[in-house]
C-alpha atoms as a PDB file:
ATOM      1  CA  GLU A   1      71.221  41.969  16.238  1.00  0.00           C
ATOM      2  CA  VAL A   2      74.578  43.080  17.563  1.00  0.00           C
ATOM      3  CA  GLN A   3      74.336  45.712  20.487  1.00  0.00           C
ATOM      4  CA  LEU A   4      77.029  48.298  21.875  1.00  0.00           C
ATOM      5  CA  GLN A   5      77.273  49.990  25.018  1.00  0.00           C
ATOM      6  CA  ALA A   6      79.838  52.867  25.422  1.00  0.00           C
ATOM      7  CA  SER A   7      80.917  53.958  28.857  1.00  0.00           C
ATOM      8  CA  GLY A   8      83.324  55.491  30.823  1.00  0.00           C
ATOM      9  CA  GLY A   9      82.921  59.202  29.754  1.00  0.00           C
ATOM     10  CA  GLY A  10      83.067  62.488  32.145  1.00  0.00           C
ATOM     11  CA  ARG A  11      84.626  65.652  32.804  1.00  0.00           C
ATOM     12  CA  VAL A  12      88.299  66.074  33.402  1.00  0.00           C
ATOM     13  CA  GLN A  13      90.699  68.812  33.444  1.00  0.00           C
ATOM     14  CA  THR A  14      93.220  69.528  30.847  1.00  0.00           C
ATOM     15  CA  GLY A  15      96.036  66.930  30.784  1.00  0.00           C
ATOM     16  CA  GLY A  16      93.820  64.376  32.504  1.00  0.00           C
ATOM     17  CA  SER A  17      92.940  60.459  31.494  1.00  0.00           C
ATOM     18  CA  LEU A  18      89.776  58.776  30.906  1.00  0.00           C
ATOM     19  CA  ARG A  19      89.355  55.233  29.919  1.00  0.00           C
ATOM     20  CA  LEU A  20      86.200  54.604  27.446  1.00  0.00           C
ATOM     21  CA  SER A  21      84.582  50.969  27.403  1.00  0.00           C
ATOM     22  CA  CYS A  22      82.548  49.592  24.758  1.00  0.00           C
ATOM     23  CA  ALA A  23      80.690  46.277  25.658  1.00  0.00           C
ATOM     24  CA  ALA A  24      79.158  44.283  22.735  1.00  0.00           C
ATOM     25  CA  TYR A  25      76.327  41.902  23.039  1.00  0.00           C
ATOM     26  CA  GLY A  26      74.997  39.525  20.446  1.00  0.00           C
ATOM     27  CA  ALA A  27      78.132  39.128  18.617  1.00  0.00           C
ATOM     28  CA  THR A  28      81.244  36.803  17.985  1.00  0.00           C
ATOM     29  CA  PHE A  29      83.178  39.733  19.143  1.00  0.00           C
ATOM     30  CA  ASP A  30      86.502  38.788  18.018  1.00  0.00           C
ATOM     31  CA  ASP A  31      85.585  38.830  14.420  1.00  0.00           C
ATOM     32  CA  TYR A  32      84.748  42.421  14.757  1.00  0.00           C
ATOM     33  CA  GLY A  33      87.000  45.507  13.847  1.00  0.00           C
ATOM     34  CA  ILE A  34      86.147  48.152  16.344  1.00  0.00           C
ATOM     35  CA  GLY A  35      86.220  51.863  15.864  1.00  0.00           C
ATOM     36  CA  TRP A  36      86.160  54.475  17.706  1.00  0.00           C
ATOM     37  CA  PHE A  37      84.835  57.728  16.624  1.00  0.00           C
ATOM     38  CA  ARG A  38      83.689  61.303  18.214  1.00  0.00           C
ATOM     39  CA  GLN A  39      81.647  64.178  17.348  1.00  0.00           C
ATOM     40  CA  ALA A  40      82.291  67.700  18.877  1.00  0.00           C
ATOM     41  CA  PRO A  41      79.183  70.169  19.150  1.00  0.00           C
ATOM     42  CA  GLY A  42      78.928  71.845  15.583  1.00  0.00           C
ATOM     43  CA  LYS A  43      81.436  69.425  13.790  1.00  0.00           C
ATOM     44  CA  ASP A  44      81.521  66.304  11.428  1.00  0.00           C
ATOM     45  CA  ARG A  45      82.030  63.268  12.802  1.00  0.00           C
ATOM     46  CA  GLU A  46      85.709  62.020  12.734  1.00  0.00           C
ATOM     47  CA  LYS A  47      87.393  58.816  13.259  1.00  0.00           C
ATOM     48  CA  VAL A  48      89.442  58.466  16.434  1.00  0.00           C
ATOM     49  CA  SER A  49      91.043  55.164  16.414  1.00  0.00           C
ATOM     50  CA  CYS A  50      90.402  51.878  15.650  1.00  0.00           C
ATOM     51  CA  ILE A  51      91.471  48.176  16.629  1.00  0.00           C
ATOM     52  CA  SER A  52      91.331  45.232  13.995  1.00  0.00           C
ATOM     53  CA  SER A  53      89.629  42.263  14.804  1.00  0.00           C
ATOM     54  CA  GLY A  54      92.119  39.491  16.344  1.00  0.00           C
ATOM     55  CA  ASN A  55      93.835  42.339  18.018  1.00  0.00           C
ATOM     56  CA  LYS A  56      95.835  42.518  14.785  1.00  0.00           C
ATOM     57  CA  GLY A  57      96.556  46.440  14.246  1.00  0.00           C
ATOM     58  CA  THR A  58      95.372  49.495  15.484  1.00  0.00           C
ATOM     59  CA  TYR A  59      95.044  53.379  13.865  1.00  0.00           C
ATOM     60  CA  TYR A  60      95.206  56.571  15.256  1.00  0.00           C
ATOM     61  CA  ALA A  61      94.245  59.817  13.911  1.00  0.00           C
ATOM     62  CA  ASP A  62      97.133  62.118  13.533  1.00  0.00           C
ATOM     63  CA  SER A  63      96.110  64.265  16.774  1.00  0.00           C
ATOM     64  CA  MET A  64      95.503  61.097  18.965  1.00  0.00           C
ATOM     65  CA  ARG A  65      98.651  59.245  18.247  1.00  0.00           C
ATOM     66  CA  GLY A  66     100.833  59.045  21.204  1.00  0.00           C
ATOM     67  CA  ARG A  67      97.981  60.178  23.639  1.00  0.00           C
ATOM     68  CA  PHE A  68      95.205  57.385  22.895  1.00  0.00           C
ATOM     69  CA  THR A  69      95.513  54.014  23.127  1.00  0.00           C
ATOM     70  CA  ALA A  70      92.758  51.474  21.698  1.00  0.00           C
ATOM     71  CA  SER A  71      92.532  47.670  23.136  1.00  0.00           C
ATOM     72  CA  ARG A  72      90.236  44.773  23.460  1.00  0.00           C
ATOM     73  CA  ASP A  73      89.570  41.972  25.564  1.00  0.00           C
ATOM     74  CA  ASP A  74      87.759  39.143  23.205  1.00  0.00           C
ATOM     75  CA  ALA A  75      87.426  36.926  26.366  1.00  0.00           C
ATOM     76  CA  ARG A  76      85.160  39.947  27.905  1.00  0.00           C
ATOM     77  CA  GLU A  77      83.619  40.908  24.591  1.00  0.00           C
ATOM     78  CA  ARG A  78      84.961  44.625  25.449  1.00  0.00           C
ATOM     79  CA  ALA A  79      86.957  47.354  23.603  1.00  0.00           C
ATOM     80  CA  TYR A  80      88.992  50.152  25.363  1.00  0.00           C
ATOM     81  CA  LEU A  81      90.068  53.560  24.278  1.00  0.00           C
ATOM     82  CA  THR A  82      92.523  54.949  27.006  1.00  0.00           C
ATOM     83  CA  MET A  83      92.808  58.319  26.738  1.00  0.00           C
ATOM     84  CA  ASN A  84      95.865  60.519  28.117  1.00  0.00           C
ATOM     85  CA  ASP A  85      96.911  64.242  28.249  1.00  0.00           C
ATOM     86  CA  LEU A  86      92.966  65.210  27.429  1.00  0.00           C
ATOM     87  CA  LYS A  87      92.778  68.441  25.644  1.00  0.00           C
ATOM     88  CA  PRO A  88      89.679  70.860  25.402  1.00  0.00           C
ATOM     89  CA  GLU A  89      89.607  70.184  21.839  1.00  0.00           C
ATOM     90  CA  ASP A  90      89.085  66.457  22.776  1.00  0.00           C
ATOM     91  CA  THR A  91      85.744  67.536  24.041  1.00  0.00           C
ATOM     92  CA  ALA A  92      82.589  65.733  22.138  1.00  0.00           C
ATOM     93  CA  VAL A  93      80.578  62.673  22.206  1.00  0.00           C
ATOM     94  CA  TYR A  94      82.617  59.535  21.919  1.00  0.00           C
ATOM     95  CA  TYR A  95      81.070  56.365  19.914  1.00  0.00           C
ATOM     96  CA  CYS A  96      82.357  52.914  19.614  1.00  0.00           C
ATOM     97  CA  ALA A  97      81.164  51.010  16.298  1.00  0.00           C
ATOM     98  CA  ALA A  98      81.581  47.247  15.188  1.00  0.00           C
ATOM     99  CA  VAL A  99      82.118  45.881  11.589  1.00  0.00           C
ATOM    100  CA  TRP A 100      82.210  42.367  10.604  1.00  0.00           C
ATOM    101  CA  LEU A 101      85.496  42.190   8.783  1.00  0.00           C
ATOM    102  CA  PRO A 102      87.658  39.523  10.022  1.00  0.00           C
ATOM    103  CA  GLY A 103      91.405  39.674   9.481  1.00  0.00           C
ATOM    104  CA  VAL A 104      90.951  43.098   7.745  1.00  0.00           C
ATOM    105  CA  ASP A 105      93.214  46.207   8.876  1.00  0.00           C
ATOM    106  CA  CYS A 106      90.888  48.109  10.137  1.00  0.00           C
ATOM    107  CA  SER A 107      92.963  51.566   8.920  1.00  0.00           C
ATOM    108  CA  ARG A 108      91.412  50.592   5.723  1.00  0.00           C
ATOM    109  CA  ILE A 109      87.722  50.335   6.761  1.00  0.00           C
ATOM    110  CA  ASP A 110      85.489  53.687   6.131  1.00  0.00           C
ATOM    111  CA  SER A 111      83.358  54.624   8.803  1.00  0.00           C
ATOM    112  CA  LYS A 112      80.300  54.062   6.436  1.00  0.00           C
ATOM    113  CA  ASP A 113      81.190  50.468   6.102  1.00  0.00           C
ATOM    114  CA  TYR A 114      80.575  50.012  10.226  1.00  0.00           C
ATOM    115  CA  ASP A 115      77.474  48.082  10.935  1.00  0.00           C
ATOM    116  CA  TYR A 116      76.819  48.667  14.269  1.00  0.00           C
ATOM    117  CA  TRP A 117      76.661  51.829  16.638  1.00  0.00           C
ATOM    118  CA  GLY A 118      76.925  52.318  20.382  1.00  0.00           C
ATOM    119  CA  GLN A 119      74.853  55.292  21.749  1.00  0.00           C
ATOM    120  CA  GLY A 120      77.895  57.420  22.506  1.00  0.00           C
ATOM    121  CA  THR A 121      79.736  58.757  25.995  1.00  0.00           C
ATOM    122  CA  LEU A 122      80.173  62.607  26.486  1.00  0.00           C
ATOM    123  CA  VAL A 123      83.739  63.321  27.160  1.00  0.00           C
ATOM    124  CA  THR A 124      84.186  67.440  28.609  1.00  0.00           C
ATOM    125  CA  VAL A 125      87.723  68.346  29.110  1.00  0.00           C
ATOM    126  CA  SER A 126      87.787  71.935  30.871  1.00  0.00           C
ATOM    127  CA  SER A 127      90.940  74.435  30.746  1.00  0.00           C
END
């Protein structure tokens, strides 16, 4: 059983930065693609970013490209989402998720295919 724990959320002002972390337990971490998703109040969950297994490629939703950076440290079994230039519309609960698809470009993986999900961490951006 793989367990994920997301952390690093908080409250920042517009233009601020945060780095989210996703810790994995019980997995051969480098075989997993890691996705980042968010859900704002009253809205559907949306895919923010992902990073493929083996650190072979990343994906960003259009509104995050250039502001967010996904990374991973397989030795520490951690994935990160660095978020810069945050805007009020980035306010949401952010989730990390893992899918066992070694060698697959994560941009091709649908959200419903992710096997394991973390509990979410709240990001609040004030204007």
